[in-house]
PDB file of N, CA and C in Angstrom:
ATOM      1  N   MET A   1       0.846  -1.181   0.000  1.00  0.00           N
ATOM      2  CA  MET A   1       0.000   0.000   0.000  1.00  0.00           C
ATOM      3  C   MET A   1       0.889   1.243   0.000  1.00  0.00           C
ATOM      4  N   LYS A   2       0.610   2.143  -0.910  1.00  0.00           N
ATOM      5  CA  LYS A   2       1.331   3.414  -0.975  1.00  0.00           C
ATOM      6  C   LYS A   2       0.481   4.513  -0.333  1.00  0.00           C
ATOM      7  N   ILE A   3       1.119   5.633  -0.047  1.00  0.00           N
ATOM      8  CA  ILE A   3       0.381   6.754   0.529  1.00  0.00           C
ATOM      9  C   ILE A   3      -0.752   7.178  -0.403  1.00  0.00           C
ATOM     10  N   SER A   4      -0.502   7.169  -1.687  1.00  0.00           N
ATOM     11  CA  SER A   4      -1.544   7.563  -2.649  1.00  0.00           C
ATOM     12  C   SER A   4      -2.751   6.626  -2.598  1.00  0.00           C
ATOM     13  N   ASP A   5      -2.540   5.382  -2.173  1.00  0.00           N
ATOM     14  CA  ASP A   5      -3.663   4.452  -2.014  1.00  0.00           C
ATOM     15  C   ASP A   5      -4.567   4.885  -0.866  1.00  0.00           C
ATOM     16  N   ILE A   6      -3.979   5.437   0.191  1.00  0.00           N
ATOM     17  CA  ILE A   6      -4.780   5.972   1.298  1.00  0.00           C
ATOM     18  C   ILE A   6      -5.589   7.162   0.789  1.00  0.00           C
ATOM     19  N   GLU A   7      -4.916   8.028   0.040  1.00  0.00           N
ATOM     20  CA  GLU A   7      -5.581   9.222  -0.494  1.00  0.00           C
ATOM     21  C   GLU A   7      -6.769   8.854  -1.383  1.00  0.00           C
ATOM     22  N   ALA A   8      -6.690   7.720  -2.058  1.00  0.00           N
ATOM     23  CA  ALA A   8      -7.757   7.289  -2.965  1.00  0.00           C
ATOM     24  C   ALA A   8      -8.970   6.701  -2.242  1.00  0.00           C
ATOM     25  N   LEU A   9      -8.824   6.348  -0.972  1.00  0.00           N
ATOM     26  CA  LEU A   9      -9.939   5.758  -0.221  1.00  0.00           C
ATOM     27  C   LEU A   9     -10.936   6.838   0.192  1.00  0.00           C
ATOM     28  N   ASP A  10     -12.214   6.541   0.058  1.00  0.00           N
ATOM     29  CA  ASP A  10     -13.269   7.506   0.372  1.00  0.00           C
ATOM     30  C   ASP A  10     -13.303   7.920   1.840  1.00  0.00           C
ATOM     31  N   GLN A  11     -12.798   7.085   2.725  1.00  0.00           N
ATOM     32  CA  GLN A  11     -12.872   7.363   4.160  1.00  0.00           C
ATOM     33  C   GLN A  11     -11.927   8.485   4.598  1.00  0.00           C
ATOM     34  N   PHE A  12     -10.987   8.864   3.731  1.00  0.00           N
ATOM     35  CA  PHE A  12      -9.948   9.807   4.135  1.00  0.00           C
ATOM     36  C   PHE A  12      -9.957  11.065   3.275  1.00  0.00           C
ATOM     37  N   THR A  13      -9.701  12.194   3.933  1.00  0.00           N
ATOM     38  CA  THR A  13      -9.515  13.466   3.255  1.00  0.00           C
ATOM     39  C   THR A  13      -8.056  13.853   3.403  1.00  0.00           C
ATOM     40  N   CYS A  14      -7.392  14.109   2.297  1.00  0.00           N
ATOM     41  CA  CYS A  14      -5.982  14.497   2.334  1.00  0.00           C
ATOM     42  C   CYS A  14      -5.896  15.992   2.640  1.00  0.00           C
ATOM     43  N   LEU A  15      -5.184  16.335   3.715  1.00  0.00           N
ATOM     44  CA  LEU A  15      -5.023  17.730   4.112  1.00  0.00           C
ATOM     45  C   LEU A  15      -3.659  18.280   3.719  1.00  0.00           C
ATOM     46  N   GLN A  16      -2.699  17.380   3.486  1.00  0.00           N
ATOM     47  CA  GLN A  16      -1.338  17.786   3.138  1.00  0.00           C
ATOM     48  C   GLN A  16      -0.813  16.777   2.137  1.00  0.00           C
ATOM     49  N   ASP A  17      -0.700  17.215   0.885  1.00  0.00           N
ATOM     50  CA  ASP A  17      -0.369  16.264  -0.178  1.00  0.00           C
ATOM     51  C   ASP A  17       1.019  16.464  -0.788  1.00  0.00           C
ATOM     52  N   THR A  18       1.906  17.137  -0.073  1.00  0.00           N
ATOM     53  CA  THR A  18       3.290  17.268  -0.516  1.00  0.00           C
ATOM     54  C   THR A  18       4.088  16.168   0.171  1.00  0.00           C
ATOM     55  N   TYR A  19       4.178  15.021  -0.486  1.00  0.00           N
ATOM     56  CA  TYR A  19       4.847  13.869   0.109  1.00  0.00           C
ATOM     57  C   TYR A  19       5.470  13.011  -0.974  1.00  0.00           C
ATOM     58  N   THR A  20       6.410  12.165  -0.565  1.00  0.00           N
ATOM     59  CA  THR A  20       6.962  11.153  -1.454  1.00  0.00           C
ATOM     60  C   THR A  20       6.065   9.933  -1.327  1.00  0.00           C
ATOM     61  N   ASP A  21       5.625   9.399  -2.436  1.00  0.00           N
ATOM     62  CA  ASP A  21       4.648   8.300  -2.426  1.00  0.00           C
ATOM     63  C   ASP A  21       5.332   6.965  -2.120  1.00  0.00           C
ATOM     64  N   VAL A  22       5.732   6.801  -0.864  1.00  0.00           N
ATOM     65  CA  VAL A  22       6.447   5.590  -0.454  1.00  0.00           C
ATOM     66  C   VAL A  22       5.477   4.449  -0.178  1.00  0.00           C
ATOM     67  N   GLU A  23       6.020   3.264  -0.170  1.00  0.00           N
ATOM     68  CA  GLU A  23       5.267   2.066   0.202  1.00  0.00           C
ATOM     69  C   GLU A  23       5.131   2.053   1.722  1.00  0.00           C
ATOM     70  N   ILE A  24       3.896   2.031   2.217  1.00  0.00           N
ATOM     71  CA  ILE A  24       3.648   1.947   3.655  1.00  0.00           C
ATOM     72  C   ILE A  24       3.906   0.509   4.090  1.00  0.00           C
ATOM     73  N   GLU A  25       4.758   0.346   5.094  1.00  0.00           N
ATOM     74  CA  GLU A  25       5.133  -0.991   5.546  1.00  0.00           C
ATOM     75  C   GLU A  25       4.439  -1.413   6.834  1.00  0.00           C
ATOM     76  N   ALA A  26       3.870  -0.445   7.560  1.00  0.00           N
ATOM     77  CA  ALA A  26       3.246  -0.772   8.849  1.00  0.00           C
ATOM     78  C   ALA A  26       2.304   0.355   9.245  1.00  0.00           C
ATOM     79  N   GLY A  27       1.502   0.073  10.237  1.00  0.00           N
ATOM     80  CA  GLY A  27       0.662   1.082  10.856  1.00  0.00           C
ATOM     81  C   GLY A  27       0.965   1.117  12.339  1.00  0.00           C
ATOM     82  N   TYR A  28       0.754   2.269  12.958  1.00  0.00           N
ATOM     83  CA  TYR A  28       0.945   2.379  14.401  1.00  0.00           C
ATOM     84  C   TYR A  28      -0.134   3.298  14.948  1.00  0.00           C
ATOM     85  N   THR A  29      -0.825   2.850  15.981  1.00  0.00           N
ATOM     86  CA  THR A  29      -1.902   3.620  16.587  1.00  0.00           C
ATOM     87  C   THR A  29      -1.518   3.989  18.007  1.00  0.00           C
ATOM     88  N   SER A  30      -1.426   5.290  18.259  1.00  0.00           N
ATOM     89  CA  SER A  30      -1.088   5.757  19.601  1.00  0.00           C
ATOM     90  C   SER A  30      -1.365   7.249  19.699  1.00  0.00           C
ATOM     91  N   ASP A  31      -1.661   7.691  20.912  1.00  0.00           N
ATOM     92  CA  ASP A  31      -1.808   9.111  21.200  1.00  0.00           C
ATOM     93  C   ASP A  31      -0.696   9.608  22.115  1.00  0.00           C
ATOM     94  N   LEU A  32       0.152   8.706  22.553  1.00  0.00           N
ATOM     95  CA  LEU A  32       1.265   9.061  23.432  1.00  0.00           C
ATOM     96  C   LEU A  32       2.503   9.232  22.560  1.00  0.00           C
ATOM     97  N   LEU A  33       2.948  10.468  22.390  1.00  0.00           N
ATOM     98  CA  LEU A  33       4.012  10.744  21.431  1.00  0.00           C
ATOM     99  C   LEU A  33       5.338  10.092  21.797  1.00  0.00           C
ATOM    100  N   SER A  34       5.626   9.932  23.076  1.00  0.00           N
ATOM    101  CA  SER A  34       6.856   9.226  23.458  1.00  0.00           C
ATOM    102  C   SER A  34       6.781   7.761  23.038  1.00  0.00           C
ATOM    103  N   ASP A  35       5.600   7.191  23.059  1.00  0.00           N
ATOM    104  CA  ASP A  35       5.395   5.821  22.590  1.00  0.00           C
ATOM    105  C   ASP A  35       5.630   5.732  21.082  1.00  0.00           C
ATOM    106  N   VAL A  36       5.157   6.720  20.354  1.00  0.00           N
ATOM    107  CA  VAL A  36       5.371   6.761  18.904  1.00  0.00           C
ATOM    108  C   VAL A  36       6.863   6.836  18.605  1.00  0.00           C
ATOM    109  N   MET A  37       7.587   7.702  19.321  1.00  0.00           N
ATOM    110  CA  MET A  37       9.035   7.823  19.107  1.00  0.00           C
ATOM    111  C   MET A  37       9.746   6.504  19.355  1.00  0.00           C
ATOM    112  N   ALA A  38       9.308   5.776  20.352  1.00  0.00           N
ATOM    113  CA  ALA A  38       9.987   4.532  20.736  1.00  0.00           C
ATOM    114  C   ALA A  38       9.601   3.342  19.869  1.00  0.00           C
ATOM    115  N   HIS A  39       8.392   3.334  19.316  1.00  0.00           N
ATOM    116  CA  HIS A  39       7.906   2.097  18.706  1.00  0.00           C
ATOM    117  C   HIS A  39       7.405   2.179  17.264  1.00  0.00           C
ATOM    118  N   ALA A  40       7.092   3.343  16.758  1.00  0.00           N
ATOM    119  CA  ALA A  40       6.600   3.425  15.373  1.00  0.00           C
ATOM    120  C   ALA A  40       7.730   3.079  14.411  1.00  0.00           C
ATOM    121  N   GLU A  41       7.390   2.343  13.371  1.00  0.00           N
ATOM    122  CA  GLU A  41       8.380   1.928  12.380  1.00  0.00           C
ATOM    123  C   GLU A  41       8.518   2.972  11.277  1.00  0.00           C
ATOM    124  N   GLU A  42       9.686   2.975  10.637  1.00  0.00           N
ATOM    125  CA  GLU A  42       9.863   3.817   9.456  1.00  0.00           C
ATOM    126  C   GLU A  42       8.885   3.385   8.374  1.00  0.00           C
ATOM    127  N   LYS A  43       8.485   4.336   7.571  1.00  0.00           N
ATOM    128  CA  LYS A  43       7.539   4.104   6.473  1.00  0.00           C
ATOM    129  C   LYS A  43       6.207   3.546   6.975  1.00  0.00           C
ATOM    130  N   SER A  44       5.814   4.000   8.165  1.00  0.00           N
ATOM    131  CA  SER A  44       4.520   3.578   8.703  1.00  0.00           C
ATOM    132  C   SER A  44       3.528   4.731   8.604  1.00  0.00           C
ATOM    133  N   VAL A  45       2.276   4.414   8.884  1.00  0.00           N
ATOM    134  CA  VAL A  45       1.236   5.425   8.994  1.00  0.00           C
ATOM    135  C   VAL A  45       0.844   5.493  10.467  1.00  0.00           C
ATOM    136  N   LEU A  46       0.825   6.701  11.017  1.00  0.00           N
ATOM    137  CA  LEU A  46       0.432   6.915  12.406  1.00  0.00           C
ATOM    138  C   LEU A  46      -1.051   7.242  12.447  1.00  0.00           C
ATOM    139  N   ILE A  47      -1.785   6.510  13.272  1.00  0.00           N
ATOM    140  CA  ILE A  47      -3.222   6.703  13.448  1.00  0.00           C
ATOM    141  C   ILE A  47      -3.414   7.262  14.851  1.00  0.00           C
ATOM    142  N   THR A  48      -3.972   8.480  14.951  1.00  0.00           N
ATOM    143  CA  THR A  48      -3.995   9.189  16.225  1.00  0.00           C
ATOM    144  C   THR A  48      -5.117  10.222  16.256  1.00  0.00           C
ATOM    145  N   ILE A  49      -5.327  10.802  17.441  1.00  0.00           N
ATOM    146  CA  ILE A  49      -6.205  11.964  17.566  1.00  0.00           C
ATOM    147  C   ILE A  49      -5.400  13.208  17.936  1.00  0.00           C
ATOM    148  N   GLN A  50      -4.091  13.077  18.005  1.00  0.00           N
ATOM    149  CA  GLN A  50      -3.212  14.193  18.373  1.00  0.00           C
ATOM    150  C   GLN A  50      -2.980  15.096  17.166  1.00  0.00           C
ATOM    151  N   ALA A  51      -3.786  16.133  17.060  1.00  0.00           N
ATOM    152  CA  ALA A  51      -3.733  17.034  15.906  1.00  0.00           C
ATOM    153  C   ALA A  51      -3.001  18.319  16.280  1.00  0.00           C
ATOM    154  N   HIS A  52      -1.678  18.254  16.285  1.00  0.00           N
ATOM    155  CA  HIS A  52      -0.853  19.443  16.520  1.00  0.00           C
ATOM    156  C   HIS A  52       0.527  19.214  15.930  1.00  0.00           C
ATOM    157  N   LYS A  53       1.306  20.288  15.832  1.00  0.00           N
ATOM    158  CA  LYS A  53       2.577  20.178  15.111  1.00  0.00           C
ATOM    159  C   LYS A  53       3.606  19.310  15.818  1.00  0.00           C
ATOM    160  N   ASN A  54       3.475  19.077  17.125  1.00  0.00           N
ATOM    161  CA  ASN A  54       4.401  18.162  17.802  1.00  0.00           C
ATOM    162  C   ASN A  54       4.252  16.735  17.269  1.00  0.00           C
ATOM    163  N   THR A  55       3.056  16.381  16.823  1.00  0.00           N
ATOM    164  CA  THR A  55       2.840  15.066  16.215  1.00  0.00           C
ATOM    165  C   THR A  55       3.682  14.930  14.952  1.00  0.00           C
ATOM    166  N   VAL A  56       3.802  15.999  14.200  1.00  0.00           N
ATOM    167  CA  VAL A  56       4.629  15.995  12.990  1.00  0.00           C
ATOM    168  C   VAL A  56       6.101  15.854  13.358  1.00  0.00           C
ATOM    169  N   ALA A  57       6.548  16.593  14.372  1.00  0.00           N
ATOM    170  CA  ALA A  57       7.953  16.523  14.784  1.00  0.00           C
ATOM    171  C   ALA A  57       8.329  15.110  15.212  1.00  0.00           C
ATOM    172  N   VAL A  58       7.494  14.491  16.014  1.00  0.00           N
ATOM    173  CA  VAL A  58       7.743  13.122  16.472  1.00  0.00           C
ATOM    174  C   VAL A  58       7.689  12.149  15.295  1.00  0.00           C
ATOM    175  N   SER A  59       6.735  12.341  14.412  1.00  0.00           N
ATOM    176  CA  SER A  59       6.625  11.475  13.234  1.00  0.00           C
ATOM    177  C   SER A  59       7.871  11.570  12.367  1.00  0.00           C
ATOM    178  N   SER A  60       8.395  12.759  12.224  1.00  0.00           N
ATOM    179  CA  SER A  60       9.614  12.948  11.443  1.00  0.00           C
ATOM    180  C   SER A  60      10.788  12.210  12.075  1.00  0.00           C
ATOM    181  N   LEU A  61      10.931  12.323  13.383  1.00  0.00           N
ATOM    182  CA  LEU A  61      12.005  11.612  14.095  1.00  0.00           C
ATOM    183  C   LEU A  61      11.891  10.103  13.929  1.00  0.00           C
ATOM    184  N   ALA A  62      10.664   9.601  13.927  1.00  0.00           N
ATOM    185  CA  ALA A  62      10.434   8.155  13.844  1.00  0.00           C
ATOM    186  C   ALA A  62      10.424   7.637  12.402  1.00  0.00           C
ATOM    187  N   GLY A  63      10.416   8.533  11.439  1.00  0.00           N
ATOM    188  CA  GLY A  63      10.371   8.100  10.042  1.00  0.00           C
ATOM    189  C   GLY A  63       8.984   7.733   9.555  1.00  0.00           C
ATOM    190  N   VAL A  64       7.961   8.211  10.255  1.00  0.00           N
ATOM    191  CA  VAL A  64       6.570   7.969   9.861  1.00  0.00           C
ATOM    192  C   VAL A  64       6.300   8.710   8.551  1.00  0.00           C
ATOM    193  N   ALA A  65       5.646   8.055   7.612  1.00  0.00           N
ATOM    194  CA  ALA A  65       5.414   8.638   6.289  1.00  0.00           C
ATOM    195  C   ALA A  65       4.083   9.376   6.171  1.00  0.00           C
ATOM    196  N   ALA A  66       3.109   9.004   7.002  1.00  0.00           N
ATOM    197  CA  ALA A  66       1.780   9.615   6.915  1.00  0.00           C
ATOM    198  C   ALA A  66       1.120   9.595   8.286  1.00  0.00           C
ATOM    199  N   ILE A  67       0.269  10.577   8.506  1.00  0.00           N
ATOM    200  CA  ILE A  67      -0.485  10.691   9.754  1.00  0.00           C
ATOM    201  C   ILE A  67      -1.965  10.720   9.397  1.00  0.00           C
ATOM    202  N   ILE A  68      -2.751   9.930  10.121  1.00  0.00           N
ATOM    203  CA  ILE A  68      -4.210   9.973   9.971  1.00  0.00           C
ATOM    204  C   ILE A  68      -4.796  10.470  11.285  1.00  0.00           C
ATOM    205  N   ILE A  69      -5.515  11.588  11.217  1.00  0.00           N
ATOM    206  CA  ILE A  69      -6.194  12.154  12.383  1.00  0.00           C
ATOM    207  C   ILE A  69      -7.636  11.647  12.376  1.00  0.00           C
ATOM    208  N   CYS A  70      -8.027  11.014  13.470  1.00  0.00           N
ATOM    209  CA  CYS A  70      -9.344  10.365  13.567  1.00  0.00           C
ATOM    210  C   CYS A  70     -10.392  11.257  14.229  1.00  0.00           C
ATOM    211  N   ASN A  71     -11.627  10.783  14.204  1.00  0.00           N
ATOM    212  CA  ASN A  71     -12.781  11.407  14.862  1.00  0.00           C
ATOM    213  C   ASN A  71     -13.085  12.811  14.342  1.00  0.00           C
ATOM    214  N   ASN A  72     -12.703  13.080  13.098  1.00  0.00           N
ATOM    215  CA  ASN A  72     -12.933  14.409  12.503  1.00  0.00           C
ATOM    216  C   ASN A  72     -12.402  15.549  13.353  1.00  0.00           C
ATOM    217  N   ARG A  73     -11.315  15.297  14.044  1.00  0.00           N
ATOM    218  CA  ARG A  73     -10.705  16.352  14.858  1.00  0.00           C
ATOM    219  C   ARG A  73     -10.239  17.487  13.953  1.00  0.00           C
ATOM    220  N   PRO A  74     -10.377  18.714  14.411  1.00  0.00           N
ATOM    221  CA  PRO A  74      -9.847  19.821  13.606  1.00  0.00           C
ATOM    222  C   PRO A  74      -8.317  19.753  13.562  1.00  0.00           C
ATOM    223  N   VAL A  75      -7.765  20.041  12.412  1.00  0.00           N
ATOM    224  CA  VAL A  75      -6.315  19.997  12.229  1.00  0.00           C
ATOM    225  C   VAL A  75      -5.838  21.429  11.995  1.00  0.00           C
ATOM    226  N   PRO A  76      -5.002  21.951  12.897  1.00  0.00           N
ATOM    227  CA  PRO A  76      -4.566  23.340  12.754  1.00  0.00           C
ATOM    228  C   PRO A  76      -3.618  23.535  11.571  1.00  0.00           C
ATOM    229  N   GLU A  77      -3.639  24.726  11.040  1.00  0.00           N
ATOM    230  CA  GLU A  77      -2.814  25.064   9.880  1.00  0.00           C
ATOM    231  C   GLU A  77      -1.323  24.892  10.165  1.00  0.00           C
ATOM    232  N   ASP A  78      -0.886  25.179  11.406  1.00  0.00           N
ATOM    233  CA  ASP A  78       0.549  25.025  11.688  1.00  0.00           C
ATOM    234  C   ASP A  78       0.984  23.560  11.631  1.00  0.00           C
ATOM    235  N   MET A  79       0.078  22.636  11.907  1.00  0.00           N
ATOM    236  CA  MET A  79       0.400  21.215  11.755  1.00  0.00           C
ATOM    237  C   MET A  79       0.549  20.862  10.276  1.00  0.00           C
ATOM    238  N   ILE A  80      -0.357  21.355   9.459  1.00  0.00           N
ATOM    239  CA  ILE A  80      -0.306  21.080   8.025  1.00  0.00           C
ATOM    240  C   ILE A  80       0.964  21.675   7.417  1.00  0.00           C
ATOM    241  N   SER A  81       1.317  22.889   7.822  1.00  0.00           N
ATOM    242  CA  SER A  81       2.538  23.533   7.318  1.00  0.00           C
ATOM    243  C   SER A  81       3.782  22.769   7.735  1.00  0.00           C
ATOM    244  N   ALA A  82       3.826  22.334   8.988  1.00  0.00           N
ATOM    245  CA  ALA A  82       4.974  21.559   9.477  1.00  0.00           C
ATOM    246  C   ALA A  82       5.095  20.243   8.716  1.00  0.00           C
ATOM    247  N   ALA A  83       3.971  19.604   8.451  1.00  0.00           N
ATOM    248  CA  ALA A  83       3.987  18.341   7.706  1.00  0.00           C
ATOM    249  C   ALA A  83       4.471  18.562   6.275  1.00  0.00           C
ATOM    250  N   ALA A  84       4.086  19.667   5.659  1.00  0.00           N
ATOM    251  CA  ALA A  84       4.545  19.975   4.304  1.00  0.00           C
ATOM    252  C   ALA A  84       6.060  20.150   4.285  1.00  0.00           C
ATOM    253  N   GLU A  85       6.592  20.830   5.291  1.00  0.00           N
ATOM    254  CA  GLU A  85       8.045  21.022   5.383  1.00  0.00           C
ATOM    255  C   GLU A  85       8.777  19.694   5.529  1.00  0.00           C
ATOM    256  N   GLU A  86       8.171  18.742   6.225  1.00  0.00           N
ATOM    257  CA  GLU A  86       8.794  17.435   6.471  1.00  0.00           C
ATOM    258  C   GLU A  86       8.446  16.399   5.403  1.00  0.00           C
ATOM    259  N   GLY A  87       7.507  16.722   4.520  1.00  0.00           N
ATOM    260  CA  GLY A  87       7.097  15.770   3.490  1.00  0.00           C
ATOM    261  C   GLY A  87       6.266  14.621   4.024  1.00  0.00           C
ATOM    262  N   ILE A  88       5.524  14.883   5.096  1.00  0.00           N
ATOM    263  CA  ILE A  88       4.668  13.867   5.715  1.00  0.00           C
ATOM    264  C   ILE A  88       3.220  14.137   5.307  1.00  0.00           C
ATOM    265  N   ALA A  89       2.571  13.139   4.742  1.00  0.00           N
ATOM    266  CA  ALA A  89       1.168  13.275   4.352  1.00  0.00           C
ATOM    267  C   ALA A  89       0.290  13.337   5.600  1.00  0.00           C
ATOM    268  N   VAL A  90      -0.771  14.128   5.530  1.00  0.00           N
ATOM    269  CA  VAL A  90      -1.728  14.217   6.636  1.00  0.00           C
ATOM    270  C   VAL A  90      -3.125  13.983   6.076  1.00  0.00           C
ATOM    271  N   PHE A  91      -3.834  13.073   6.725  1.00  0.00           N
ATOM    272  CA  PHE A  91      -5.204  12.740   6.351  1.00  0.00           C
ATOM    273  C   PHE A  91      -6.111  12.928   7.557  1.00  0.00           C
ATOM    274  N   LYS A  92      -7.387  13.119   7.278  1.00  0.00           N
ATOM    275  CA  LYS A  92      -8.414  13.240   8.311  1.00  0.00           C
ATOM    276  C   LYS A  92      -9.499  12.230   7.985  1.00  0.00           C
ATOM    277  N   THR A  93     -10.122  11.680   9.040  1.00  0.00           N
ATOM    278  CA  THR A  93     -11.220  10.737   8.848  1.00  0.00           C
ATOM    279  C   THR A  93     -12.259  10.907   9.952  1.00  0.00           C
ATOM    280  N   ALA A  94     -13.490  10.569   9.635  1.00  0.00           N
ATOM    281  CA  ALA A  94     -14.553  10.562  10.642  1.00  0.00           C
ATOM    282  C   ALA A  94     -14.465   9.315  11.510  1.00  0.00           C
ATOM    283  N   GLY A  95     -13.787   8.301  11.016  1.00  0.00           N
ATOM    284  CA  GLY A  95     -13.677   7.045  11.752  1.00  0.00           C
ATOM    285  C   GLY A  95     -12.885   7.194  13.040  1.00  0.00           C
ATOM    286  N   ASN A  96     -13.167   6.302  13.985  1.00  0.00           N
ATOM    287  CA  ASN A  96     -12.382   6.303  15.219  1.00  0.00           C
ATOM    288  C   ASN A  96     -11.086   5.520  14.998  1.00  0.00           C
ATOM    289  N   GLN A  97     -10.252   5.478  16.009  1.00  0.00           N
ATOM    290  CA  GLN A  97      -8.950   4.830  15.855  1.00  0.00           C
ATOM    291  C   GLN A  97      -9.070   3.326  15.620  1.00  0.00           C
ATOM    292  N   PHE A  98     -10.016   2.686  16.263  1.00  0.00           N
ATOM    293  CA  PHE A  98     -10.198   1.250  16.083  1.00  0.00           C
ATOM    294  C   PHE A  98     -10.585   0.942  14.640  1.00  0.00           C
ATOM    295  N   GLU A  99     -11.607   1.632  14.149  1.00  0.00           N
ATOM    296  CA  GLU A  99     -12.069   1.408  12.778  1.00  0.00           C
ATOM    297  C   GLU A  99     -10.967   1.710  11.758  1.00  0.00           C
ATOM    298  N   THR A 100     -10.272   2.801  11.982  1.00  0.00           N
ATOM    299  CA  THR A 100      -9.219   3.212  11.053  1.00  0.00           C
ATOM    300  C   THR A 100      -8.056   2.230  11.070  1.00  0.00           C
ATOM    301  N   SER A 101      -7.680   1.764  12.244  1.00  0.00           N
ATOM    302  CA  SER A 101      -6.602   0.778  12.353  1.00  0.00           C
ATOM    303  C   SER A 101      -6.972  -0.514  11.638  1.00  0.00           C
ATOM    304  N   ALA A 102      -8.220  -0.953  11.810  1.00  0.00           N
ATOM    305  CA  ALA A 102      -8.675  -2.179  11.145  1.00  0.00           C
ATOM    306  C   ALA A 102      -8.649  -2.016   9.629  1.00  0.00           C
ATOM    307  N   LEU A 103      -9.063  -0.862   9.147  1.00  0.00           N
ATOM    308  CA  LEU A 103      -9.079  -0.612   7.707  1.00  0.00           C
ATOM    309  C   LEU A 103      -7.661  -0.602   7.130  1.00  0.00           C
ATOM    310  N   ILE A 104      -6.754   0.094   7.790  1.00  0.00           N
ATOM    311  CA  ILE A 104      -5.365   0.145   7.315  1.00  0.00           C
ATOM    312  C   ILE A 104      -4.738  -1.244   7.389  1.00  0.00           C
ATOM    313  N   ALA A 105      -4.993  -1.984   8.462  1.00  0.00           N
ATOM    314  CA  ALA A 105      -4.459  -3.353   8.580  1.00  0.00           C
ATOM    315  C   ALA A 105      -4.959  -4.218   7.430  1.00  0.00           C
ATOM    316  N   HIS A 106      -6.214  -4.065   7.084  1.00  0.00           N
ATOM    317  CA  HIS A 106      -6.787  -4.824   5.966  1.00  0.00           C
ATOM    318  C   HIS A 106      -6.033  -4.535   4.667  1.00  0.00           C
ATOM    319  N   TYR A 107      -5.803  -3.270   4.384  1.00  0.00           N
ATOM    320  CA  TYR A 107      -5.121  -2.905   3.141  1.00  0.00           C
ATOM    321  C   TYR A 107      -3.634  -3.234   3.164  1.00  0.00           C
ATOM    322  N   LEU A 108      -3.066  -3.368   4.349  1.00  0.00           N
ATOM    323  CA  LEU A 108      -1.662  -3.772   4.454  1.00  0.00           C
ATOM    324  C   LEU A 108      -1.501  -5.286   4.383  1.00  0.00           C
ATOM    325  N   GLY A 109      -2.620  -5.992   4.258  1.00  0.00           N
ATOM    326  CA  GLY A 109      -2.547  -7.442   4.127  1.00  0.00           C
ATOM    327  C   GLY A 109      -2.829  -8.190   5.405  1.00  0.00           C
ATOM    328  N   GLY A 110      -3.285  -7.476   6.434  1.00  0.00           N
ATOM    329  CA  GLY A 110      -3.657  -8.129   7.682  1.00  0.00           C
ATOM    330  C   GLY A 110      -5.006  -8.805   7.540  1.00  0.00           C
ATOM    331  N   THR A 111      -5.496  -9.353   8.626  1.00  0.00           N
ATOM    332  CA  THR A 111      -6.751 -10.092   8.582  1.00  0.00           C
ATOM    333  C   THR A 111      -7.948  -9.253   8.991  1.00  0.00           C
ATOM    334  N   SER A 112      -7.725  -8.034   9.492  1.00  0.00           N
ATOM    335  CA  SER A 112      -8.843  -7.197   9.906  1.00  0.00           C
ATOM    336  C   SER A 112      -9.581  -6.675   8.688  1.00  0.00           C
ATOM    337  N   ALA A 113     -10.869  -6.536   8.819  1.00  0.00           N
ATOM    338  CA  ALA A 113     -11.672  -5.942   7.748  1.00  0.00           C
ATOM    339  C   ALA A 113     -12.569  -4.891   8.363  1.00  0.00           C
ATOM    340  N   ALA A 114     -12.735  -3.799   7.679  1.00  0.00           N
ATOM    341  CA  ALA A 114     -13.566  -2.713   8.207  1.00  0.00           C
ATOM    342  C   ALA A 114     -14.990  -2.860   7.726  1.00  0.00           C
TER     343      ALA A 114
END
């Protein structure tokens, strides 16, 4: 699954589309940024409700390629700008973290289905 494949799904709205279309290798769901720094894999998609620019900074350190903000949380412009500078895609969804994680796992070849 590539980042552009996420963008093509109806469940997601792309808020920041200046990114390298890398192959997503994993997903990681967390709202604790220190946990993301310690455990998120490179070329992963972060599924979270943390909609602020610190999420981008941590994602950049961890090598996260895309961020999905759940529950239709508002995403501030400074987060989108920071993500553009780092080349990290940002998406928004009405789905909660459980539903979104299951959907991404399904497309990554896992057994979950949304």
